Amino acid sequence: MDRANVWHDGGLQRVVDGREVRISPAERGVDVDPLDDRIEPVVRKLLGLQLDLPPFHAFAQGDGVLAEAVRRFPGYRPPLAPDPFEALVSSITAQQVSLHSAFAVRSRFIDRFGVPAELAVAFPTRERVAQASEDDLTALGFSRRKAEYVLGVARADLDFDELDSLTDDEVKARLTALRGIGEWSADWFLGRYLGRPGAWPAGDLALRKAVLALYPEVTDVRAAGVRFHPFQNLSAHYLLALSRYR
């Protein structure tokens, strides 16, 4: 969690469309307060509802490891980032550091450039960050290089709204043309923002460890993605969950 996503008293608090929204567990799903036509699509994204579980569950029965993962986590949907700029900044902050360090730097960034509500803070807009300086970001704990990357993404001549209409390869080509966005970040953008079913972040260290531990016969993690077609994205998340809690 970071300052844009605050877990409080058994529920998630997040600013959506200028209002703080609470998402809490309920007997038949979740309660969302407030909820309207502008908030609903963001919440659906956060909950990963665009990911279709029943076909994946059927597919998983043909693979012993995935079948175990589905039994362990039957209703698990990985949460998706609701905003493309947030997704890319989150990837940059997570590069080559621990998750604890990434969350700490990101939270300071959100507090500095975001708009506070009651408990959570709205994630900073691309336009506001574009006006910042490298010194503004390094003062928050960004390395000089990561500060350059974040400002480069904020100022890039890239239409984020257009990405959803492009193929996976086209999205990766657009993103990796930006400084600081490599294949790892592009793969996770496909998986955790666009929710593309074929996203397979083979360069992710945790996924590599999970695949190699769960499938001893595998030697090439990227090539192994073929065995999970057409559900590489969900397979990756379920394998990560199984590896973490096995």
C-alpha atoms as a PDB file:
ATOM      1  CA  MET A   1       0.000   0.000   0.000  1.00  0.00           C
ATOM      2  CA  ASP A   2       0.998   3.616  -0.531  1.00  0.00           C
ATOM      3  CA  ARG A   3      -0.628   6.968   0.236  1.00  0.00           C
ATOM      4  CA  ALA A   4      -2.923   6.668  -2.799  1.00  0.00           C
ATOM      5  CA  ASN A   5      -4.179   3.270  -1.625  1.00  0.00           C
ATOM      6  CA  VAL A   6      -4.767   3.262   2.117  1.00  0.00           C
ATOM      7  CA  TRP A   7      -5.958   0.195   4.009  1.00  0.00           C
ATOM      8  CA  HIS A   8      -8.000   1.430   6.967  1.00  0.00           C
ATOM      9  CA  ASP A   9     -10.284  -0.413   9.357  1.00  0.00           C
ATOM     10  CA  GLY A  10     -10.739  -3.403   7.045  1.00  0.00           C
ATOM     11  CA  GLY A  11     -11.266  -1.503   3.802  1.00  0.00           C
ATOM     12  CA  LEU A  12      -9.409   0.273   1.011  1.00  0.00           C
ATOM     13  CA  GLN A  13      -9.583   4.058   0.807  1.00  0.00           C
ATOM     14  CA  ARG A  14      -8.765   5.701  -2.528  1.00  0.00           C
ATOM     15  CA  VAL A  15      -9.500   9.052  -4.130  1.00  0.00           C
ATOM     16  CA  VAL A  16     -11.548   8.687  -7.309  1.00  0.00           C
ATOM     17  CA  ASP A  17     -12.791  11.649  -9.337  1.00  0.00           C
ATOM     18  CA  GLY A  18     -11.912  13.986  -6.477  1.00  0.00           C
ATOM     19  CA  ARG A  19     -13.811  12.004  -3.837  1.00  0.00           C
ATOM     20  CA  GLU A  20     -12.528   9.541  -1.306  1.00  0.00           C
ATOM     21  CA  VAL A  21     -14.050   6.122  -1.931  1.00  0.00           C
ATOM     22  CA  ARG A  22     -14.122   3.223   0.496  1.00  0.00           C
ATOM     23  CA  ILE A  23     -14.066  -0.357  -0.836  1.00  0.00           C
ATOM     24  CA  SER A  24     -14.758  -2.948   1.842  1.00  0.00           C
ATOM     25  CA  PRO A  25     -15.499  -6.687   1.858  1.00  0.00           C
ATOM     26  CA  ALA A  26     -19.147  -7.748   1.884  1.00  0.00           C
ATOM     27  CA  GLU A  27     -20.907 -11.108   2.043  1.00  0.00           C
ATOM     28  CA  ARG A  28     -21.549 -11.294  -1.716  1.00  0.00           C
ATOM     29  CA  GLY A  29     -18.659  -9.168  -2.969  1.00  0.00           C
ATOM     30  CA  VAL A  30     -17.711  -5.656  -1.922  1.00  0.00           C
ATOM     31  CA  ASP A  31     -19.383  -2.507  -0.687  1.00  0.00           C
ATOM     32  CA  VAL A  32     -18.351   0.719  -2.421  1.00  0.00           C
ATOM     33  CA  ASP A  33     -19.196   4.092  -0.891  1.00  0.00           C
ATOM     34  CA  PRO A  34     -19.843   6.403  -2.650  1.00  0.00           C
ATOM     35  CA  LEU A  35     -20.621   4.771  -6.001  1.00  0.00           C
ATOM     36  CA  ASP A  36     -21.732   6.391  -9.257  1.00  0.00           C
ATOM     37  CA  ASP A  37     -21.106   6.107 -12.994  1.00  0.00           C
ATOM     38  CA  ARG A  38     -17.689   7.813 -12.755  1.00  0.00           C
ATOM     39  CA  ILE A  39     -16.468   5.792  -9.791  1.00  0.00           C
ATOM     40  CA  GLU A  40     -17.707   2.356 -10.898  1.00  0.00           C
ATOM     41  CA  PRO A  41     -15.278   1.782 -13.823  1.00  0.00           C
ATOM     42  CA  VAL A  42     -12.310   2.743 -11.633  1.00  0.00           C
ATOM     43  CA  VAL A  43     -13.410   0.339  -8.911  1.00  0.00           C
ATOM     44  CA  ARG A  44     -13.979  -2.434 -11.430  1.00  0.00           C
ATOM     45  CA  LYS A  45     -10.434  -1.864 -12.676  1.00  0.00           C
ATOM     46  CA  LEU A  46      -9.005  -1.896  -9.161  1.00  0.00           C
ATOM     47  CA  LEU A  47     -10.753  -5.196  -8.483  1.00  0.00           C
ATOM     48  CA  GLY A  48      -9.521  -6.761 -11.729  1.00  0.00           C
ATOM     49  CA  LEU A  49     -13.066  -7.559 -12.845  1.00  0.00           C
ATOM     50  CA  GLN A  50     -12.121  -7.423 -16.538  1.00  0.00           C
ATOM     51  CA  LEU A  51     -10.135 -10.637 -16.003  1.00  0.00           C
ATOM     52  CA  ASP A  52     -12.377 -13.599 -16.827  1.00  0.00           C
ATOM     53  CA  LEU A  53     -11.777 -16.353 -14.267  1.00  0.00           C
ATOM     54  CA  PRO A  54     -14.012 -19.296 -15.346  1.00  0.00           C
ATOM     55  CA  PRO A  55     -12.171 -20.000 -18.651  1.00  0.00           C
ATOM     56  CA  PHE A  56      -8.856 -19.716 -16.844  1.00  0.00           C
ATOM     57  CA  HIS A  57     -10.005 -22.102 -14.109  1.00  0.00           C
ATOM     58  CA  ALA A  58     -11.008 -24.639 -16.774  1.00  0.00           C
ATOM     59  CA  PHE A  59      -7.643 -24.221 -18.501  1.00  0.00           C
ATOM     60  CA  ALA A  60      -5.783 -24.637 -15.215  1.00  0.00           C
ATOM     61  CA  GLN A  61      -7.162 -28.132 -14.700  1.00  0.00           C
ATOM     62  CA  GLY A  62      -4.794 -29.347 -17.411  1.00  0.00           C
ATOM     63  CA  ASP A  63      -1.742 -28.249 -15.421  1.00  0.00           C
ATOM     64  CA  GLY A  64      -1.109 -29.733 -11.975  1.00  0.00           C
ATOM     65  CA  VAL A  65       0.602 -26.647 -10.579  1.00  0.00           C
ATOM     66  CA  LEU A  66      -2.039 -24.200 -11.807  1.00  0.00           C
ATOM     67  CA  ALA A  67      -4.790 -26.536 -10.642  1.00  0.00           C
ATOM     68  CA  GLU A  68      -3.305 -26.409  -7.136  1.00  0.00           C
ATOM     69  CA  ALA A  69      -3.109 -22.605  -7.332  1.00  0.00           C
ATOM     70  CA  VAL A  70      -6.772 -22.356  -8.346  1.00  0.00           C
ATOM     71  CA  ARG A  71      -7.780 -24.618  -5.464  1.00  0.00           C
ATOM     72  CA  ARG A  72      -5.808 -22.457  -3.056  1.00  0.00           C
ATOM     73  CA  PHE A  73      -7.008 -19.103  -4.410  1.00  0.00           C
ATOM     74  CA  PRO A  74     -10.327 -19.836  -6.175  1.00  0.00           C
ATOM     75  CA  GLY A  75     -11.628 -16.287  -6.546  1.00  0.00           C
ATOM     76  CA  TYR A  76      -8.353 -14.418  -6.811  1.00  0.00           C
ATOM     77  CA  ARG A  77      -8.232 -11.588  -9.319  1.00  0.00           C
ATOM     78  CA  PRO A  78      -5.043  -9.494  -9.401  1.00  0.00           C
ATOM     79  CA  PRO A  79      -5.837  -5.797  -8.886  1.00  0.00           C
ATOM     80  CA  LEU A  80      -5.173  -3.550 -11.856  1.00  0.00           C
ATOM     81  CA  ALA A  81      -3.812  -0.013 -11.797  1.00  0.00           C
ATOM     82  CA  PRO A  82      -6.612   2.418 -12.708  1.00  0.00           C
ATOM     83  CA  ASP A  83      -4.333   5.021 -14.292  1.00  0.00           C
ATOM     84  CA  PRO A  84      -1.539   4.571 -16.871  1.00  0.00           C
ATOM     85  CA  PHE A  85       0.738   7.273 -15.452  1.00  0.00           C
ATOM     86  CA  GLU A  86       0.404   5.760 -11.995  1.00  0.00           C
ATOM     87  CA  ALA A  87       1.240   2.326 -13.395  1.00  0.00           C
ATOM     88  CA  LEU A  88       4.440   3.564 -15.050  1.00  0.00           C
ATOM     89  CA  VAL A  89       5.609   5.634 -12.083  1.00  0.00           C
ATOM     90  CA  SER A  90       4.972   2.649  -9.815  1.00  0.00           C
ATOM     91  CA  SER A  91       7.143   0.496 -12.075  1.00  0.00           C
ATOM     92  CA  ILE A  92       9.954   3.033 -12.050  1.00  0.00           C
ATOM     93  CA  THR A  93       9.933   3.315  -8.257  1.00  0.00           C
ATOM     94  CA  ALA A  94      10.071  -0.490  -7.970  1.00  0.00           C
ATOM     95  CA  GLN A  95      13.099  -0.931 -10.235  1.00  0.00           C
ATOM     96  CA  GLN A  96      16.030  -2.619  -8.440  1.00  0.00           C
ATOM     97  CA  VAL A  97      14.866  -1.834  -4.893  1.00  0.00           C
ATOM     98  CA  SER A  98      12.836  -3.613  -2.242  1.00  0.00           C
ATOM     99  CA  LEU A  99       9.071  -3.188  -2.213  1.00  0.00           C
ATOM    100  CA  HIS A 100       9.380  -1.461   1.176  1.00  0.00           C
ATOM    101  CA  SER A 101      11.714   1.167  -0.303  1.00  0.00           C
ATOM    102  CA  ALA A 102       9.535   1.579  -3.391  1.00  0.00           C
ATOM    103  CA  PHE A 103       6.388   2.146  -1.299  1.00  0.00           C
ATOM    104  CA  ALA A 104       8.193   4.663   0.922  1.00  0.00           C
ATOM    105  CA  VAL A 105       9.476   6.773  -1.986  1.00  0.00           C
ATOM    106  CA  ARG A 106       6.162   6.545  -3.821  1.00  0.00           C
ATOM    107  CA  SER A 107       4.223   7.628  -0.734  1.00  0.00           C
ATOM    108  CA  ARG A 108       6.420  10.710  -0.304  1.00  0.00           C
ATOM    109  CA  PHE A 109       5.923  11.478  -3.996  1.00  0.00           C
ATOM    110  CA  ILE A 110       2.149  11.148  -3.642  1.00  0.00           C
ATOM    111  CA  ASP A 111       2.071  13.363  -0.540  1.00  0.00           C
ATOM    112  CA  ARG A 112       4.193  16.004  -2.280  1.00  0.00           C
ATOM    113  CA  PHE A 113       2.360  16.232  -5.606  1.00  0.00           C
ATOM    114  CA  GLY A 114      -1.047  14.661  -4.971  1.00  0.00           C
ATOM    115  CA  VAL A 115      -4.246  16.187  -3.633  1.00  0.00           C
ATOM    116  CA  PRO A 116      -5.142  15.008  -0.112  1.00  0.00           C
ATOM    117  CA  ALA A 117      -8.581  13.839   0.927  1.00  0.00           C
ATOM    118  CA  GLU A 118      -9.559  12.484   4.337  1.00  0.00           C
ATOM    119  CA  LEU A 119      -7.273   9.456   4.596  1.00  0.00           C
ATOM    120  CA  ALA A 120      -5.917   8.858   1.097  1.00  0.00           C
ATOM    121  CA  VAL A 121      -4.227  11.190  -1.367  1.00  0.00           C
ATOM    122  CA  ALA A 122      -5.112  11.391  -5.051  1.00  0.00           C
ATOM    123  CA  PHE A 123      -2.224  10.096  -7.158  1.00  0.00           C
ATOM    124  CA  PRO A 124      -0.392  13.038  -8.768  1.00  0.00           C
ATOM    125  CA  THR A 125      -1.467  13.977 -12.260  1.00  0.00           C
ATOM    126  CA  ARG A 126       0.881  13.755 -15.174  1.00  0.00           C
ATOM    127  CA  GLU A 127       0.459  17.492 -15.803  1.00  0.00           C
ATOM    128  CA  ARG A 128       1.460  18.496 -12.273  1.00  0.00           C
ATOM    129  CA  VAL A 129       4.497  16.231 -12.198  1.00  0.00           C
ATOM    130  CA  ALA A 130       5.640  17.573 -15.581  1.00  0.00           C
ATOM    131  CA  GLN A 131       6.175  20.951 -13.896  1.00  0.00           C
ATOM    132  CA  ALA A 132       8.481  19.513 -11.228  1.00  0.00           C
ATOM    133  CA  SER A 133      12.276  19.487 -11.303  1.00  0.00           C
ATOM    134  CA  GLU A 134      14.756  16.668 -10.809  1.00  0.00           C
ATOM    135  CA  ASP A 135      15.743  18.244  -7.497  1.00  0.00           C
ATOM    136  CA  ASP A 136      12.105  18.124  -6.362  1.00  0.00           C
ATOM    137  CA  LEU A 137      12.100  14.351  -6.893  1.00  0.00           C
ATOM    138  CA  THR A 138      15.554  13.558  -5.546  1.00  0.00           C
ATOM    139  CA  ALA A 139      14.564  15.346  -2.335  1.00  0.00           C
ATOM    140  CA  LEU A 140      11.886  12.669  -1.937  1.00  0.00           C
ATOM    141  CA  GLY A 141      14.378   9.799  -2.256  1.00  0.00           C
ATOM    142  CA  PHE A 142      14.422   9.210  -6.015  1.00  0.00           C
ATOM    143  CA  SER A 143      17.811   8.587  -7.526  1.00  0.00           C
ATOM    144  CA  ARG A 144      18.835  11.189 -10.099  1.00  0.00           C
ATOM    145  CA  ARG A 145      18.258   8.664 -12.863  1.00  0.00           C
ATOM    146  CA  LYS A 146      14.789   7.663 -11.647  1.00  0.00           C
ATOM    147  CA  ALA A 147      13.869  11.324 -11.288  1.00  0.00           C
ATOM    148  CA  GLU A 148      14.789  11.766 -14.955  1.00  0.00           C
ATOM    149  CA  TYR A 149      12.678   8.754 -15.888  1.00  0.00           C
ATOM    150  CA  VAL A 150       9.575   9.954 -14.035  1.00  0.00           C
ATOM    151  CA  LEU A 151       9.812  13.439 -15.509  1.00  0.00           C
ATOM    152  CA  GLY A 152      10.415  11.947 -18.948  1.00  0.00           C
ATOM    153  CA  VAL A 153       7.228   9.905 -18.714  1.00  0.00           C
ATOM    154  CA  ALA A 154       5.265  12.914 -17.444  1.00  0.00           C
ATOM    155  CA  ARG A 155       6.489  15.096 -20.306  1.00  0.00           C
ATOM    156  CA  ALA A 156       6.445  12.472 -23.068  1.00  0.00           C
ATOM    157  CA  ASP A 157       4.543  13.054 -26.283  1.00  0.00           C
ATOM    158  CA  LEU A 158       2.609   9.839 -25.803  1.00  0.00           C
ATOM    159  CA  ASP A 159      -1.158   9.437 -25.898  1.00  0.00           C
ATOM    160  CA  PHE A 160      -1.874   7.028 -23.035  1.00  0.00           C
ATOM    161  CA  ASP A 161      -5.515   6.724 -24.087  1.00  0.00           C
ATOM    162  CA  GLU A 162      -4.450   5.356 -27.462  1.00  0.00           C
ATOM    163  CA  LEU A 163      -2.491   2.445 -25.969  1.00  0.00           C
ATOM    164  CA  ASP A 164      -5.597   0.390 -25.255  1.00  0.00           C
ATOM    165  CA  SER A 165      -6.310   0.159 -28.992  1.00  0.00           C
ATOM    166  CA  LEU A 166      -2.831  -1.147 -29.868  1.00  0.00           C
ATOM    167  CA  THR A 167      -1.507  -4.691 -29.951  1.00  0.00           C
ATOM    168  CA  ASP A 168       0.736  -5.929 -27.147  1.00  0.00           C
ATOM    169  CA  ASP A 169       3.839  -5.551 -29.333  1.00  0.00           C
ATOM    170  CA  GLU A 170       2.852  -2.032 -30.370  1.00  0.00           C
ATOM    171  CA  VAL A 171       2.269  -1.019 -26.744  1.00  0.00           C
ATOM    172  CA  LYS A 172       5.676  -2.380 -25.743  1.00  0.00           C
ATOM    173  CA  ALA A 173       7.350  -0.542 -28.617  1.00  0.00           C
ATOM    174  CA  ARG A 174       5.766   2.774 -27.591  1.00  0.00           C
ATOM    175  CA  LEU A 175       6.656   2.332 -23.927  1.00  0.00           C
ATOM    176  CA  THR A 176      10.206   1.073 -24.325  1.00  0.00           C
ATOM    177  CA  ALA A 177      10.959   4.114 -26.476  1.00  0.00           C
ATOM    178  CA  LEU A 178      10.750   6.099 -23.228  1.00  0.00           C
ATOM    179  CA  ARG A 179      13.877   6.339 -21.078  1.00  0.00           C
ATOM    180  CA  GLY A 180      13.606   4.135 -18.007  1.00  0.00           C
ATOM    181  CA  ILE A 181      10.831   1.927 -19.370  1.00  0.00           C
ATOM    182  CA  GLY A 182      12.334  -1.413 -20.292  1.00  0.00           C
ATOM    183  CA  GLU A 183      10.772  -4.725 -21.154  1.00  0.00           C
ATOM    184  CA  TRP A 184      10.041  -5.560 -17.496  1.00  0.00           C
ATOM    185  CA  SER A 185       8.051  -2.351 -16.971  1.00  0.00           C
ATOM    186  CA  ALA A 186       6.286  -2.716 -20.325  1.00  0.00           C
ATOM    187  CA  ASP A 187       5.274  -6.315 -19.575  1.00  0.00           C
ATOM    188  CA  TRP A 188       3.846  -5.336 -16.205  1.00  0.00           C
ATOM    189  CA  PHE A 189       2.018  -2.400 -17.806  1.00  0.00           C
ATOM    190  CA  LEU A 190       0.366  -4.862 -20.190  1.00  0.00           C
ATOM    191  CA  GLY A 191      -0.534  -7.136 -17.304  1.00  0.00           C
ATOM    192  CA  ARG A 192      -1.371  -4.774 -14.466  1.00  0.00           C
ATOM    193  CA  TYR A 193      -2.846  -1.801 -16.287  1.00  0.00           C
ATOM    194  CA  LEU A 194      -4.230  -3.031 -19.604  1.00  0.00           C
ATOM    195  CA  GLY A 195      -5.030  -6.498 -18.210  1.00  0.00           C
ATOM    196  CA  ARG A 196      -3.880  -8.184 -21.424  1.00  0.00           C
ATOM    197  CA  PRO A 197      -4.308 -11.978 -21.128  1.00  0.00           C
ATOM    198  CA  GLY A 198      -1.005 -12.749 -22.890  1.00  0.00           C
ATOM    199  CA  ALA A 199       1.201 -10.531 -20.709  1.00  0.00           C
ATOM    200  CA  TRP A 200       4.109 -12.639 -19.432  1.00  0.00           C
ATOM    201  CA  PRO A 201       6.706 -10.628 -17.434  1.00  0.00           C
ATOM    202  CA  ALA A 202       9.495 -13.160 -17.817  1.00  0.00           C
ATOM    203  CA  GLY A 203      12.093 -10.634 -16.663  1.00  0.00           C
ATOM    204  CA  ASP A 204      10.490 -10.331 -13.232  1.00  0.00           C
ATOM    205  CA  LEU A 205      12.797 -11.914 -10.638  1.00  0.00           C
ATOM    206  CA  ALA A 206       9.963 -13.150  -8.412  1.00  0.00           C
ATOM    207  CA  LEU A 207       8.176 -14.784 -11.353  1.00  0.00           C
ATOM    208  CA  ARG A 208      11.401 -16.361 -12.570  1.00  0.00           C
ATOM    209  CA  LYS A 209      12.019 -17.862  -9.130  1.00  0.00           C
ATOM    210  CA  ALA A 210       8.420 -19.096  -8.923  1.00  0.00           C
ATOM    211  CA  VAL A 211       8.444 -20.763 -12.346  1.00  0.00           C
ATOM    212  CA  LEU A 212      11.827 -22.418 -11.836  1.00  0.00           C
ATOM    213  CA  ALA A 213      10.802 -23.697  -8.392  1.00  0.00           C
ATOM    214  CA  LEU A 214       7.363 -24.953  -9.437  1.00  0.00           C
ATOM    215  CA  TYR A 215       8.448 -26.407 -12.787  1.00  0.00           C
ATOM    216  CA  PRO A 216      11.897 -28.003 -12.279  1.00  0.00           C
ATOM    217  CA  GLU A 217      12.073 -29.029 -15.939  1.00  0.00           C
ATOM    218  CA  VAL A 218      11.915 -25.416 -17.162  1.00  0.00           C
ATOM    219  CA  THR A 219      15.186 -23.752 -18.148  1.00  0.00           C
ATOM    220  CA  ASP A 220      13.910 -20.768 -20.175  1.00  0.00           C
ATOM    221  CA  VAL A 221      11.228 -18.799 -18.322  1.00  0.00           C
ATOM    222  CA  ARG A 222      10.352 -16.579 -21.272  1.00  0.00           C
ATOM    223  CA  ALA A 223       9.869 -19.554 -23.584  1.00  0.00           C
ATOM    224  CA  ALA A 224       7.834 -21.286 -20.870  1.00  0.00           C
ATOM    225  CA  GLY A 225       5.123 -18.658 -21.299  1.00  0.00           C
ATOM    226  CA  VAL A 226       3.861 -20.584 -24.330  1.00  0.00           C
ATOM    227  CA  ARG A 227       2.594 -23.386 -22.102  1.00  0.00           C
ATOM    228  CA  PHE A 228       0.213 -20.927 -20.393  1.00  0.00           C
ATOM    229  CA  HIS A 229      -1.260 -19.465 -23.609  1.00  0.00           C
ATOM    230  CA  PRO A 230      -3.768 -17.804 -23.762  1.00  0.00           C
ATOM    231  CA  PHE A 231      -3.773 -17.087 -20.010  1.00  0.00           C
ATOM    232  CA  GLN A 232      -0.196 -15.977 -19.341  1.00  0.00           C
ATOM    233  CA  ASN A 233      -1.222 -12.953 -17.272  1.00  0.00           C
ATOM    234  CA  LEU A 234      -3.451 -14.839 -14.839  1.00  0.00           C
ATOM    235  CA  SER A 235      -1.018 -17.762 -14.780  1.00  0.00           C
ATOM    236  CA  ALA A 236       1.804 -15.437 -13.742  1.00  0.00           C
ATOM    237  CA  HIS A 237      -0.213 -13.982 -10.880  1.00  0.00           C
ATOM    238  CA  TYR A 238      -1.435 -17.374  -9.660  1.00  0.00           C
ATOM    239  CA  LEU A 239       2.087 -18.825  -9.794  1.00  0.00           C
ATOM    240  CA  LEU A 240       3.391 -15.853  -7.818  1.00  0.00           C
ATOM    241  CA  ALA A 241       0.668 -16.320  -5.219  1.00  0.00           C
ATOM    242  CA  LEU A 242       1.291 -20.061  -4.966  1.00  0.00           C
ATOM    243  CA  SER A 243       5.038 -19.580  -4.628  1.00  0.00           C
ATOM    244  CA  ARG A 244       4.544 -16.990  -1.913  1.00  0.00           C
ATOM    245  CA  TYR A 245       2.101 -18.962   0.233  1.00  0.00           C
ATOM    246  CA  ARG A 246       2.919 -22.609  -0.546  1.00  0.00           C
END
